[in-house]
């Protein structure tokens, strides 16, 4: 599903070039759940962005679903994400002037799916939000907004879901609910899940945990029982 070989990322700022990731080599297999953990600033979120083509490796290779991301243009990358990769951020990134249903349906409409609103309604119902479909983001709690964001990511039935601290802005109860829904996507759609987290209990639910420090994988990958 994902294959990184010697992937590095260097960004140039006012102080000159800064190496963010150092020769990351990592494979993620179909229907696997992988947790990316490590201290703040270790490169976890940046690695997730490389996997989704939202950042480009400065050197090395990043393959996603058989596509070499370094050789793809922005339009092709956008289509790959639209059709095959769902991304869930810590911030909800909802369009404030659209209802929950419209927020979920709009990407499907842009992809030309005739059943956009029907599928959006199904995903919202699966997230326990059937009665909130006509509400605007300002009328929803943080937990509800994250569920809408998760429904939006899941609606195209992606092969891969990338989640960056999906429970970071939520209280404990809502965080547990979002985690259950995330892992439920593998059961419902067979989705592969890679998530960044600081929560040990969330990482422990993954099939495998990868630890980063200073832009490097520093601990052996361990499969959970």
N, C-alpha and C. Protein backbone atom coordinates (compact mmCIF):
# COMPACT_ATOMS: atom_id res chain seq x y z
N UNK A 1 0.82 -1.21 0.00
CA UNK A 1 0.00 0.00 0.00
C UNK A 1 0.86 1.26 0.00
N UNK A 2 1.91 1.26 0.83
CA UNK A 2 2.87 2.35 0.89
C UNK A 2 4.28 1.77 0.94
N UNK A 3 5.20 2.39 0.24
CA UNK A 3 6.60 1.96 0.30
C UNK A 3 7.50 3.17 0.20
N UNK A 4 8.26 3.43 1.26
CA UNK A 4 9.22 4.52 1.28
C UNK A 4 10.61 3.92 1.33
N UNK A 5 11.50 4.40 0.47
CA UNK A 5 12.86 3.89 0.41
C UNK A 5 13.84 5.06 0.45
N UNK A 6 14.51 5.23 1.57
CA UNK A 6 15.48 6.31 1.72
C UNK A 6 14.90 7.69 1.54
N UNK A 7 13.64 7.87 1.93
CA UNK A 7 12.95 9.15 1.71
C UNK A 7 13.43 10.20 2.71
N UNK A 8 13.91 11.31 2.19
CA UNK A 8 14.37 12.42 3.01
C UNK A 8 13.66 13.69 2.58
N UNK A 9 13.57 14.64 3.51
CA UNK A 9 12.95 15.93 3.18
C UNK A 9 13.77 17.04 3.81
N UNK A 10 14.19 17.99 2.98
CA UNK A 10 14.90 19.18 3.43
C UNK A 10 14.10 20.40 3.02
N UNK A 11 13.82 21.28 3.96
CA UNK A 11 13.10 22.52 3.68
C UNK A 11 14.05 23.69 3.89
N UNK A 12 13.88 24.73 3.09
CA UNK A 12 14.74 25.90 3.18
C UNK A 12 13.97 27.05 3.82
N UNK A 13 14.53 27.56 4.92
CA UNK A 13 13.94 28.70 5.61
C UNK A 13 14.91 29.86 5.66
N UNK A 14 14.59 30.85 6.49
CA UNK A 14 15.44 32.04 6.61
C UNK A 14 16.83 31.70 7.11
N UNK A 15 16.92 30.63 7.91
CA UNK A 15 18.21 30.24 8.47
C UNK A 15 18.95 29.24 7.58
N UNK A 16 18.40 28.99 6.38
CA UNK A 16 19.04 28.04 5.49
C UNK A 16 18.31 26.71 5.47
N UNK A 17 18.87 25.70 4.80
CA UNK A 17 18.20 24.40 4.69
C UNK A 17 18.14 23.66 6.02
N UNK A 18 17.01 23.02 6.25
CA UNK A 18 16.80 22.23 7.48
C UNK A 18 16.35 20.84 7.06
N UNK A 19 17.06 19.82 7.48
CA UNK A 19 16.68 18.44 7.18
C UNK A 19 15.58 18.02 8.16
N UNK A 20 14.41 17.70 7.64
CA UNK A 20 13.26 17.32 8.48
C UNK A 20 13.19 15.81 8.65
N UNK A 21 13.36 15.08 7.55
CA UNK A 21 13.32 13.61 7.58
C UNK A 21 14.61 13.06 6.99
N UNK A 22 15.11 11.98 7.59
CA UNK A 22 16.39 11.41 7.21
C UNK A 22 16.21 9.97 6.72
N UNK A 23 16.25 9.76 5.44
CA UNK A 23 16.32 8.43 4.83
C UNK A 23 15.35 7.43 5.48
N UNK A 24 14.08 7.75 5.39
CA UNK A 24 13.03 6.89 5.95
C UNK A 24 12.77 5.72 5.00
N UNK A 25 12.87 4.53 5.51
CA UNK A 25 12.52 3.32 4.76
C UNK A 25 11.44 2.58 5.54
N UNK A 26 10.29 2.40 4.90
CA UNK A 26 9.13 1.86 5.61
C UNK A 26 8.12 1.31 4.60
N UNK A 27 7.57 0.14 4.88
CA UNK A 27 6.49 -0.43 4.07
C UNK A 27 5.24 -0.57 4.93
N UNK A 28 4.09 -0.25 4.36
CA UNK A 28 2.79 -0.42 5.01
C UNK A 28 1.95 -1.31 4.11
N UNK A 29 1.39 -2.36 4.67
CA UNK A 29 0.69 -3.36 3.88
C UNK A 29 -0.82 -3.14 3.92
N UNK A 30 -1.50 -3.72 2.94
CA UNK A 30 -2.94 -3.54 2.78
C UNK A 30 -3.69 -3.98 4.04
N UNK A 31 -4.64 -3.16 4.47
CA UNK A 31 -5.52 -3.39 5.62
C UNK A 31 -4.79 -3.37 6.96
N UNK A 32 -3.53 -2.91 6.95
CA UNK A 32 -2.76 -2.78 8.19
C UNK A 32 -3.09 -1.46 8.88
N UNK A 33 -2.94 -1.42 10.20
CA UNK A 33 -3.01 -0.17 10.94
C UNK A 33 -1.64 0.10 11.55
N UNK A 34 -1.12 1.29 11.28
CA UNK A 34 0.23 1.65 11.73
C UNK A 34 0.15 2.97 12.49
N UNK A 35 0.70 2.98 13.69
CA UNK A 35 0.77 4.19 14.49
C UNK A 35 2.14 4.82 14.40
N UNK A 36 2.20 6.13 14.13
CA UNK A 36 3.45 6.88 14.12
C UNK A 36 3.53 7.67 15.42
N UNK A 37 4.53 7.38 16.24
CA UNK A 37 4.66 8.02 17.54
C UNK A 37 6.04 8.64 17.67
N UNK A 38 6.19 9.49 18.68
CA UNK A 38 7.47 10.15 18.93
C UNK A 38 7.22 11.53 19.50
N UNK A 39 8.27 12.18 20.00
CA UNK A 39 8.10 13.51 20.60
C UNK A 39 7.70 14.55 19.57
N UNK A 40 7.19 15.67 20.06
CA UNK A 40 6.84 16.77 19.17
C UNK A 40 8.08 17.21 18.40
N UNK A 41 7.90 17.47 17.10
CA UNK A 41 9.01 17.89 16.27
C UNK A 41 9.85 16.76 15.72
N UNK A 42 9.40 15.53 15.91
CA UNK A 42 10.20 14.39 15.45
C UNK A 42 9.98 14.07 13.98
N UNK A 43 8.98 14.69 13.35
CA UNK A 43 8.75 14.48 11.93
C UNK A 43 7.56 13.60 11.60
N UNK A 44 6.73 13.28 12.59
CA UNK A 44 5.61 12.36 12.36
C UNK A 44 4.62 12.92 11.34
N UNK A 45 4.18 14.14 11.56
CA UNK A 45 3.18 14.73 10.66
C UNK A 45 3.76 14.94 9.27
N UNK A 46 5.03 15.32 9.20
CA UNK A 46 5.68 15.51 7.90
C UNK A 46 5.76 14.20 7.14
N UNK A 47 6.07 13.11 7.84
CA UNK A 47 6.10 11.80 7.21
C UNK A 47 4.73 11.44 6.66
N UNK A 48 3.68 11.74 7.42
CA UNK A 48 2.32 11.47 6.94
C UNK A 48 2.03 12.26 5.68
N UNK A 49 2.50 13.51 5.62
CA UNK A 49 2.28 14.33 4.45
C UNK A 49 3.02 13.78 3.23
N UNK A 50 4.22 13.22 3.44
CA UNK A 50 4.92 12.57 2.34
C UNK A 50 4.10 11.41 1.80
N UNK A 51 3.52 10.63 2.69
CA UNK A 51 2.74 9.46 2.28
C UNK A 51 1.54 9.85 1.43
N UNK A 52 0.97 11.02 1.68
CA UNK A 52 -0.19 11.46 0.93
C UNK A 52 0.13 12.39 -0.23
N UNK A 53 1.42 12.61 -0.49
CA UNK A 53 1.79 13.50 -1.58
C UNK A 53 1.54 14.96 -1.30
N UNK A 54 1.33 15.32 -0.03
CA UNK A 54 1.13 16.71 0.34
C UNK A 54 2.47 17.43 0.55
N UNK A 55 3.53 16.66 0.72
CA UNK A 55 4.91 17.14 0.66
C UNK A 55 5.66 16.20 -0.29
N UNK A 56 6.69 16.71 -0.93
CA UNK A 56 7.48 15.89 -1.85
C UNK A 56 8.85 15.62 -1.23
N UNK A 57 9.27 14.37 -1.30
CA UNK A 57 10.59 14.00 -0.78
C UNK A 57 11.68 14.72 -1.56
N UNK A 58 12.70 15.19 -0.85
CA UNK A 58 13.85 15.82 -1.50
C UNK A 58 14.73 14.77 -2.16
N UNK A 59 14.74 13.57 -1.60
CA UNK A 59 15.49 12.46 -2.18
C UNK A 59 14.84 11.16 -1.72
N UNK A 60 15.22 10.07 -2.36
CA UNK A 60 14.58 8.79 -2.06
C UNK A 60 13.29 8.62 -2.83
N UNK A 61 12.53 7.60 -2.46
CA UNK A 61 11.34 7.24 -3.23
C UNK A 61 10.15 7.05 -2.30
N UNK A 62 8.98 7.52 -2.74
CA UNK A 62 7.73 7.30 -2.02
C UNK A 62 6.72 6.73 -3.01
N UNK A 63 6.28 5.50 -2.78
CA UNK A 63 5.24 4.87 -3.58
C UNK A 63 3.97 4.77 -2.76
N UNK A 64 2.85 5.14 -3.35
CA UNK A 64 1.54 4.99 -2.71
C UNK A 64 0.60 4.33 -3.70
N UNK A 65 0.06 3.18 -3.31
CA UNK A 65 -0.84 2.42 -4.17
C UNK A 65 -0.23 2.17 -5.54
N UNK A 66 1.08 1.93 -5.56
CA UNK A 66 1.77 1.62 -6.80
C UNK A 66 2.21 2.82 -7.61
N UNK A 67 1.91 4.03 -7.14
CA UNK A 67 2.28 5.24 -7.87
C UNK A 67 3.52 5.87 -7.23
N UNK A 68 4.47 6.24 -8.07
CA UNK A 68 5.64 6.97 -7.61
C UNK A 68 5.26 8.44 -7.48
N UNK A 69 5.10 8.90 -6.23
CA UNK A 69 4.57 10.24 -6.01
C UNK A 69 5.51 11.33 -6.52
N UNK A 70 6.80 11.07 -6.54
CA UNK A 70 7.74 12.09 -6.98
C UNK A 70 7.61 12.40 -8.46
N UNK A 71 7.05 11.47 -9.23
CA UNK A 71 6.91 11.68 -10.66
C UNK A 71 5.54 12.17 -11.09
N UNK A 72 4.68 12.49 -10.13
CA UNK A 72 3.32 12.90 -10.45
C UNK A 72 3.15 14.42 -10.33
N UNK A 73 2.37 14.98 -11.24
CA UNK A 73 2.03 16.40 -11.16
C UNK A 73 0.98 16.65 -10.09
N UNK A 74 0.75 17.93 -9.80
CA UNK A 74 -0.19 18.28 -8.72
C UNK A 74 -1.61 17.81 -9.03
N UNK A 75 -2.02 17.90 -10.29
CA UNK A 75 -3.37 17.47 -10.64
C UNK A 75 -3.52 15.97 -10.45
N UNK A 76 -2.52 15.20 -10.87
CA UNK A 76 -2.58 13.75 -10.71
C UNK A 76 -2.57 13.37 -9.24
N UNK A 77 -1.78 14.07 -8.43
CA UNK A 77 -1.76 13.80 -6.99
C UNK A 77 -3.12 14.11 -6.37
N UNK A 78 -3.73 15.20 -6.79
CA UNK A 78 -5.04 15.57 -6.26
C UNK A 78 -6.08 14.50 -6.61
N UNK A 79 -6.02 13.96 -7.82
CA UNK A 79 -6.97 12.91 -8.21
C UNK A 79 -6.72 11.63 -7.41
N UNK A 80 -5.45 11.31 -7.17
CA UNK A 80 -5.13 10.12 -6.38
C UNK A 80 -5.69 10.25 -4.97
N UNK A 81 -5.51 11.41 -4.36
CA UNK A 81 -6.06 11.62 -3.01
C UNK A 81 -7.58 11.60 -3.04
N UNK A 82 -8.16 12.24 -4.04
CA UNK A 82 -9.62 12.31 -4.13
C UNK A 82 -10.25 10.92 -4.20
N UNK A 83 -9.64 10.04 -4.98
CA UNK A 83 -10.26 8.75 -5.25
C UNK A 83 -9.79 7.63 -4.34
N UNK A 84 -8.59 7.75 -3.75
CA UNK A 84 -8.01 6.60 -3.07
C UNK A 84 -7.45 6.86 -1.68
N UNK A 85 -7.25 8.13 -1.30
CA UNK A 85 -6.61 8.44 -0.03
C UNK A 85 -7.47 9.42 0.76
N UNK A 86 -7.89 9.02 1.95
CA UNK A 86 -8.62 9.92 2.84
C UNK A 86 -7.67 10.50 3.86
N UNK A 87 -7.76 11.82 4.09
CA UNK A 87 -6.88 12.49 5.04
C UNK A 87 -7.73 13.13 6.13
N UNK A 88 -7.38 12.87 7.39
CA UNK A 88 -8.07 13.44 8.54
C UNK A 88 -7.06 14.22 9.35
N UNK A 89 -7.32 15.52 9.55
CA UNK A 89 -6.40 16.37 10.29
C UNK A 89 -6.91 16.61 11.71
N UNK A 90 -6.01 17.14 12.55
CA UNK A 90 -6.42 17.51 13.90
C UNK A 90 -7.45 18.63 13.86
N UNK A 91 -7.25 19.59 12.96
CA UNK A 91 -8.25 20.63 12.71
C UNK A 91 -9.26 20.08 11.71
N UNK A 92 -10.50 20.50 11.83
CA UNK A 92 -11.57 19.82 11.11
C UNK A 92 -11.68 20.24 9.65
N UNK A 93 -11.25 21.47 9.31
CA UNK A 93 -11.24 21.96 7.92
C UNK A 93 -12.62 21.82 7.26
N UNK A 94 -13.66 22.20 7.98
CA UNK A 94 -14.99 22.20 7.39
C UNK A 94 -15.30 23.54 6.75
N UNK A 95 -16.12 23.54 5.71
CA UNK A 95 -16.56 24.77 5.05
C UNK A 95 -17.72 25.34 5.87
N UNK A 96 -17.55 26.51 6.49
CA UNK A 96 -18.54 26.98 7.47
C UNK A 96 -19.90 27.30 6.89
N UNK A 97 -19.97 27.61 5.59
CA UNK A 97 -21.25 27.99 4.98
C UNK A 97 -22.01 26.78 4.43
N UNK A 98 -21.48 25.57 4.64
CA UNK A 98 -22.13 24.35 4.17
C UNK A 98 -22.58 23.51 5.35
N UNK A 99 -23.68 22.79 5.17
CA UNK A 99 -24.13 21.86 6.20
C UNK A 99 -23.19 20.66 6.27
N UNK A 100 -23.39 19.87 7.30
CA UNK A 100 -22.58 18.65 7.43
C UNK A 100 -22.73 17.77 6.20
N UNK A 101 -23.96 17.61 5.72
CA UNK A 101 -24.21 16.79 4.55
C UNK A 101 -23.48 17.35 3.33
N UNK A 102 -23.54 18.66 3.15
CA UNK A 102 -22.88 19.28 2.00
C UNK A 102 -21.36 19.18 2.10
N UNK A 103 -20.82 19.30 3.31
CA UNK A 103 -19.38 19.17 3.50
C UNK A 103 -18.89 17.78 3.08
N UNK A 104 -19.67 16.76 3.38
CA UNK A 104 -19.28 15.40 3.02
C UNK A 104 -19.53 15.13 1.53
N UNK A 105 -20.62 15.68 1.00
CA UNK A 105 -21.00 15.38 -0.39
C UNK A 105 -20.18 16.13 -1.42
N UNK A 106 -19.69 17.32 -1.08
CA UNK A 106 -19.03 18.17 -2.08
C UNK A 106 -17.84 17.49 -2.76
N UNK A 107 -16.90 16.86 -2.03
CA UNK A 107 -15.81 16.18 -2.74
C UNK A 107 -16.30 15.07 -3.67
N UNK A 108 -17.38 14.40 -3.29
CA UNK A 108 -17.93 13.35 -4.14
C UNK A 108 -18.53 13.95 -5.41
N UNK A 109 -19.21 15.10 -5.25
CA UNK A 109 -19.75 15.78 -6.42
C UNK A 109 -18.64 16.22 -7.37
N UNK A 110 -17.56 16.76 -6.82
CA UNK A 110 -16.44 17.20 -7.64
C UNK A 110 -15.80 16.03 -8.39
N UNK A 111 -15.93 14.82 -7.81
CA UNK A 111 -15.40 13.63 -8.47
C UNK A 111 -16.38 13.06 -9.48
N UNK A 112 -17.55 13.70 -9.62
CA UNK A 112 -18.53 13.27 -10.61
C UNK A 112 -19.40 12.11 -10.19
N UNK A 113 -19.52 11.87 -8.90
CA UNK A 113 -20.33 10.75 -8.42
C UNK A 113 -21.80 11.16 -8.35
N UNK A 114 -22.64 10.42 -9.04
CA UNK A 114 -24.06 10.75 -9.08
C UNK A 114 -24.78 10.49 -7.78
N UNK A 115 -24.20 9.64 -6.92
CA UNK A 115 -24.85 9.30 -5.65
C UNK A 115 -24.20 10.05 -4.48
N UNK A 116 -23.66 11.24 -4.75
CA UNK A 116 -22.87 11.96 -3.75
C UNK A 116 -23.64 12.18 -2.46
N UNK A 117 -24.86 12.68 -2.55
CA UNK A 117 -25.61 13.01 -1.34
C UNK A 117 -26.11 11.75 -0.64
N UNK A 118 -26.44 10.74 -1.41
CA UNK A 118 -26.86 9.47 -0.81
C UNK A 118 -25.71 8.84 -0.02
N UNK A 119 -24.54 8.82 -0.63
CA UNK A 119 -23.38 8.23 0.05
C UNK A 119 -22.98 9.08 1.25
N UNK A 120 -23.06 10.39 1.12
CA UNK A 120 -22.73 11.27 2.24
C UNK A 120 -23.66 11.02 3.42
N UNK A 121 -24.95 10.86 3.12
CA UNK A 121 -25.91 10.59 4.18
C UNK A 121 -25.62 9.25 4.86
N UNK A 122 -25.22 8.26 4.09
CA UNK A 122 -24.88 6.95 4.65
C UNK A 122 -23.69 7.05 5.59
N UNK A 123 -22.66 7.79 5.19
CA UNK A 123 -21.48 7.92 6.04
C UNK A 123 -21.78 8.70 7.31
N UNK A 124 -22.58 9.75 7.19
CA UNK A 124 -22.96 10.50 8.39
C UNK A 124 -23.75 9.62 9.35
N UNK A 125 -24.64 8.78 8.81
CA UNK A 125 -25.40 7.86 9.66
C UNK A 125 -24.47 6.87 10.34
N UNK A 126 -23.47 6.39 9.61
CA UNK A 126 -22.50 5.45 10.18
C UNK A 126 -21.70 6.09 11.30
N UNK A 127 -21.55 7.42 11.27
CA UNK A 127 -20.85 8.16 12.31
C UNK A 127 -21.78 8.61 13.43
N UNK A 128 -23.03 8.20 13.36
CA UNK A 128 -23.99 8.58 14.39
C UNK A 128 -24.50 9.99 14.25
N UNK A 129 -24.48 10.54 13.04
CA UNK A 129 -24.85 11.94 12.83
C UNK A 129 -26.03 12.10 11.88
N UNK A 130 -26.86 11.10 11.74
CA UNK A 130 -27.99 11.19 10.81
C UNK A 130 -28.89 12.39 11.14
N UNK A 131 -29.02 12.70 12.44
CA UNK A 131 -29.91 13.80 12.83
C UNK A 131 -29.20 15.15 12.85
N UNK A 132 -27.93 15.19 12.43
CA UNK A 132 -27.18 16.45 12.41
C UNK A 132 -26.78 16.84 10.99
N UNK A 133 -27.29 16.13 10.00
CA UNK A 133 -26.86 16.33 8.62
C UNK A 133 -27.13 17.74 8.12
N UNK A 134 -28.20 18.38 8.59
CA UNK A 134 -28.56 19.70 8.11
C UNK A 134 -28.01 20.83 8.97
N UNK A 135 -27.14 20.49 9.91
CA UNK A 135 -26.55 21.51 10.78
C UNK A 135 -25.25 22.04 10.17
N UNK A 136 -24.97 23.30 10.47
CA UNK A 136 -23.74 23.93 10.02
C UNK A 136 -22.63 23.70 11.05
N UNK A 137 -21.36 23.82 10.64
CA UNK A 137 -20.26 23.56 11.57
C UNK A 137 -20.38 24.30 12.90
N UNK A 138 -20.81 25.57 12.86
CA UNK A 138 -20.92 26.35 14.09
C UNK A 138 -21.96 25.78 15.04
N UNK A 139 -22.85 24.95 14.52
CA UNK A 139 -23.90 24.34 15.35
C UNK A 139 -23.49 22.97 15.87
N UNK A 140 -22.29 22.53 15.55
CA UNK A 140 -21.81 21.21 15.94
C UNK A 140 -20.71 21.32 16.98
N UNK A 141 -20.64 20.35 17.86
CA UNK A 141 -19.55 20.29 18.83
C UNK A 141 -18.26 19.87 18.13
N UNK A 142 -17.14 19.98 18.84
CA UNK A 142 -15.87 19.56 18.26
C UNK A 142 -15.88 18.09 17.88
N UNK A 143 -16.44 17.26 18.74
CA UNK A 143 -16.51 15.84 18.44
C UNK A 143 -17.36 15.56 17.21
N UNK A 144 -18.46 16.30 17.08
CA UNK A 144 -19.32 16.12 15.91
C UNK A 144 -18.62 16.60 14.63
N UNK A 145 -17.90 17.70 14.72
CA UNK A 145 -17.18 18.18 13.54
C UNK A 145 -16.11 17.18 13.10
N UNK A 146 -15.43 16.56 14.06
CA UNK A 146 -14.43 15.57 13.68
C UNK A 146 -15.09 14.34 13.05
N UNK A 147 -16.28 13.99 13.50
CA UNK A 147 -17.00 12.88 12.87
C UNK A 147 -17.39 13.23 11.43
N UNK A 148 -17.78 14.49 11.21
CA UNK A 148 -18.08 14.91 9.85
C UNK A 148 -16.82 14.82 8.98
N UNK A 149 -15.70 15.28 9.53
CA UNK A 149 -14.43 15.21 8.79
C UNK A 149 -14.07 13.76 8.47
N UNK A 150 -14.34 12.87 9.40
CA UNK A 150 -14.06 11.45 9.17
C UNK A 150 -15.02 10.88 8.12
N UNK A 151 -16.28 11.27 8.17
CA UNK A 151 -17.25 10.83 7.15
C UNK A 151 -16.83 11.32 5.77
N UNK A 152 -16.33 12.55 5.70
CA UNK A 152 -15.88 13.11 4.42
C UNK A 152 -14.69 12.31 3.87
N UNK A 153 -13.76 11.92 4.77
CA UNK A 153 -12.61 11.14 4.33
C UNK A 153 -13.02 9.74 3.90
N UNK A 154 -14.04 9.18 4.57
CA UNK A 154 -14.43 7.79 4.32
C UNK A 154 -15.39 7.64 3.15
N UNK A 155 -16.11 8.70 2.79
CA UNK A 155 -17.17 8.59 1.80
C UNK A 155 -16.72 8.06 0.44
N UNK A 156 -15.52 8.43 -0.05
CA UNK A 156 -15.09 7.88 -1.35
C UNK A 156 -14.63 6.42 -1.27
N UNK A 157 -14.75 5.80 -0.09
CA UNK A 157 -14.27 4.42 0.14
C UNK A 157 -12.78 4.32 -0.18
N UNK A 158 -11.93 5.13 0.47
CA UNK A 158 -10.51 5.16 0.13
C UNK A 158 -9.81 3.86 0.51
N UNK A 159 -8.77 3.55 -0.23
CA UNK A 159 -7.94 2.40 0.11
C UNK A 159 -7.05 2.70 1.31
N UNK A 160 -6.71 3.97 1.50
CA UNK A 160 -5.76 4.39 2.52
C UNK A 160 -6.32 5.60 3.25
N UNK A 161 -6.24 5.57 4.58
CA UNK A 161 -6.63 6.72 5.39
C UNK A 161 -5.42 7.16 6.21
N UNK A 162 -5.09 8.45 6.10
CA UNK A 162 -4.00 9.06 6.85
C UNK A 162 -4.61 10.01 7.87
N UNK A 163 -4.33 9.80 9.14
CA UNK A 163 -4.93 10.60 10.20
C UNK A 163 -3.84 11.24 11.06
N UNK A 164 -3.88 12.57 11.15
CA UNK A 164 -2.87 13.32 11.90
C UNK A 164 -3.47 13.81 13.21
N UNK A 165 -3.12 13.15 14.30
CA UNK A 165 -3.63 13.50 15.63
C UNK A 165 -5.16 13.69 15.60
N UNK A 166 -5.91 12.68 15.16
CA UNK A 166 -7.36 12.87 14.98
C UNK A 166 -8.12 13.12 16.26
N UNK A 167 -7.51 12.82 17.42
CA UNK A 167 -8.19 13.06 18.70
C UNK A 167 -7.58 14.22 19.46
N UNK A 168 -6.65 14.96 18.84
CA UNK A 168 -5.88 15.98 19.55
C UNK A 168 -6.71 17.12 20.10
N UNK A 169 -7.81 17.47 19.43
CA UNK A 169 -8.64 18.60 19.87
C UNK A 169 -9.90 18.16 20.61
N UNK A 170 -9.95 16.90 21.02
CA UNK A 170 -11.18 16.35 21.59
C UNK A 170 -10.97 15.93 23.04
N UNK A 171 -12.07 15.92 23.80
CA UNK A 171 -12.00 15.39 25.15
C UNK A 171 -11.90 13.87 25.10
N UNK A 172 -11.69 13.25 26.25
CA UNK A 172 -11.42 11.82 26.29
C UNK A 172 -12.55 10.99 25.71
N UNK A 173 -13.78 11.32 26.06
CA UNK A 173 -14.93 10.53 25.59
C UNK A 173 -15.08 10.63 24.07
N UNK A 174 -15.00 11.86 23.54
CA UNK A 174 -15.12 12.03 22.09
C UNK A 174 -13.93 11.42 21.37
N UNK A 175 -12.75 11.51 21.99
CA UNK A 175 -11.56 10.90 21.39
C UNK A 175 -11.72 9.40 21.24
N UNK A 176 -12.24 8.74 22.28
CA UNK A 176 -12.46 7.28 22.20
C UNK A 176 -13.46 6.95 21.10
N UNK A 177 -14.49 7.76 20.96
CA UNK A 177 -15.51 7.50 19.93
C UNK A 177 -14.91 7.62 18.53
N UNK A 178 -14.07 8.64 18.32
CA UNK A 178 -13.44 8.83 17.01
C UNK A 178 -12.51 7.66 16.70
N UNK A 179 -11.77 7.21 17.71
CA UNK A 179 -10.86 6.07 17.52
C UNK A 179 -11.65 4.83 17.10
N UNK A 180 -12.75 4.58 17.79
CA UNK A 180 -13.58 3.41 17.44
C UNK A 180 -14.07 3.52 16.00
N UNK A 181 -14.47 4.71 15.59
CA UNK A 181 -14.96 4.91 14.22
C UNK A 181 -13.84 4.72 13.21
N UNK A 182 -12.65 5.23 13.52
CA UNK A 182 -11.51 5.07 12.62
C UNK A 182 -11.19 3.60 12.38
N UNK A 183 -11.08 2.86 13.47
CA UNK A 183 -10.74 1.45 13.32
C UNK A 183 -11.90 0.67 12.71
N UNK A 184 -13.11 1.18 12.88
CA UNK A 184 -14.26 0.54 12.25
C UNK A 184 -14.23 0.64 10.73
N UNK A 185 -13.52 1.65 10.21
CA UNK A 185 -13.42 1.79 8.75
C UNK A 185 -12.69 0.61 8.13
N UNK A 186 -11.75 0.05 8.84
CA UNK A 186 -11.07 -1.14 8.30
C UNK A 186 -12.05 -2.30 8.23
N UNK A 187 -12.90 -2.41 9.24
CA UNK A 187 -13.89 -3.49 9.24
C UNK A 187 -14.93 -3.29 8.14
N UNK A 188 -15.35 -2.03 7.93
CA UNK A 188 -16.41 -1.77 6.96
C UNK A 188 -15.91 -1.72 5.52
N UNK A 189 -14.73 -1.11 5.32
CA UNK A 189 -14.26 -0.87 3.95
C UNK A 189 -12.91 -1.50 3.65
N UNK A 190 -12.28 -2.13 4.63
CA UNK A 190 -10.97 -2.72 4.41
C UNK A 190 -9.87 -1.69 4.25
N UNK A 191 -10.07 -0.50 4.77
CA UNK A 191 -9.11 0.58 4.59
C UNK A 191 -7.83 0.33 5.38
N UNK A 192 -6.71 0.70 4.78
CA UNK A 192 -5.43 0.74 5.48
C UNK A 192 -5.36 2.05 6.24
N UNK A 193 -4.86 2.02 7.48
CA UNK A 193 -4.87 3.21 8.34
C UNK A 193 -3.46 3.49 8.85
N UNK A 194 -2.99 4.72 8.63
CA UNK A 194 -1.75 5.20 9.23
C UNK A 194 -2.11 6.45 10.02
N UNK A 195 -1.76 6.48 11.30
CA UNK A 195 -2.15 7.61 12.12
C UNK A 195 -0.99 8.10 12.98
N UNK A 196 -0.94 9.41 13.14
CA UNK A 196 0.00 10.06 14.05
C UNK A 196 -0.71 10.28 15.37
N UNK A 197 -0.06 9.93 16.47
CA UNK A 197 -0.69 10.11 17.76
C UNK A 197 0.33 10.26 18.86
N UNK A 198 -0.06 10.99 19.90
CA UNK A 198 0.71 11.04 21.15
C UNK A 198 0.07 10.16 22.22
N UNK A 199 -1.09 9.56 21.90
CA UNK A 199 -1.84 8.80 22.90
C UNK A 199 -1.38 7.34 22.91
N UNK A 200 -0.79 6.86 24.00
CA UNK A 200 -0.31 5.48 24.06
C UNK A 200 -1.41 4.45 23.85
N UNK A 201 -2.62 4.73 24.37
CA UNK A 201 -3.70 3.75 24.23
C UNK A 201 -4.15 3.64 22.78
N UNK A 202 -4.09 4.74 22.04
CA UNK A 202 -4.44 4.70 20.62
C UNK A 202 -3.37 3.96 19.83
N UNK A 203 -2.11 4.25 20.10
CA UNK A 203 -1.03 3.54 19.41
C UNK A 203 -1.10 2.05 19.67
N UNK A 204 -1.49 1.67 20.89
CA UNK A 204 -1.52 0.25 21.26
C UNK A 204 -2.57 -0.52 20.48
N UNK A 205 -3.54 0.16 19.91
CA UNK A 205 -4.56 -0.52 19.13
C UNK A 205 -4.10 -0.85 17.71
N UNK A 206 -2.99 -0.26 17.30
CA UNK A 206 -2.49 -0.47 15.94
C UNK A 206 -1.79 -1.83 15.82
N UNK A 207 -1.78 -2.36 14.62
CA UNK A 207 -1.05 -3.60 14.36
C UNK A 207 0.45 -3.41 14.58
N UNK A 208 0.92 -2.20 14.31
CA UNK A 208 2.35 -1.92 14.37
C UNK A 208 2.57 -0.48 14.77
N UNK A 209 3.64 -0.24 15.53
CA UNK A 209 3.98 1.11 15.97
C UNK A 209 5.38 1.46 15.45
N UNK A 210 5.49 2.63 14.83
CA UNK A 210 6.77 3.13 14.32
C UNK A 210 7.12 4.39 15.11
N UNK A 211 8.30 4.41 15.72
CA UNK A 211 8.73 5.53 16.55
C UNK A 211 9.73 6.39 15.79
N UNK A 212 9.49 7.70 15.80
CA UNK A 212 10.40 8.65 15.16
C UNK A 212 11.03 9.55 16.22
N UNK A 213 12.28 9.93 15.96
CA UNK A 213 12.97 10.93 16.77
C UNK A 213 13.94 11.67 15.85
N UNK A 214 13.85 13.00 15.88
CA UNK A 214 14.73 13.82 15.05
C UNK A 214 14.71 13.40 13.58
N UNK A 215 13.52 13.07 13.09
CA UNK A 215 13.37 12.76 11.68
C UNK A 215 13.84 11.39 11.26
N UNK A 216 14.09 10.51 12.22
CA UNK A 216 14.55 9.16 11.92
C UNK A 216 13.68 8.13 12.64
N UNK A 217 13.53 6.96 12.02
CA UNK A 217 12.90 5.84 12.72
C UNK A 217 13.94 5.30 13.70
N UNK A 218 13.61 5.31 14.99
CA UNK A 218 14.62 5.03 16.00
C UNK A 218 14.38 3.75 16.78
N UNK A 219 13.20 3.15 16.65
CA UNK A 219 12.92 1.95 17.41
C UNK A 219 12.47 0.85 16.45
N UNK A 220 12.75 -0.40 16.75
CA UNK A 220 12.25 -1.48 15.90
C UNK A 220 10.73 -1.44 15.82
N UNK A 221 10.21 -1.74 14.64
CA UNK A 221 8.77 -1.81 14.46
C UNK A 221 8.25 -3.06 15.15
N UNK A 222 7.20 -2.89 15.95
CA UNK A 222 6.67 -4.00 16.71
C UNK A 222 5.22 -4.27 16.34
N UNK A 223 4.92 -5.51 16.07
CA UNK A 223 3.52 -5.89 15.79
C UNK A 223 2.84 -6.16 17.11
N UNK A 224 1.66 -5.56 17.29
CA UNK A 224 0.90 -5.80 18.51
C UNK A 224 0.16 -7.12 18.41
N UNK A 225 0.01 -7.78 19.57
CA UNK A 225 -0.72 -9.03 19.60
C UNK A 225 -2.20 -8.79 19.39
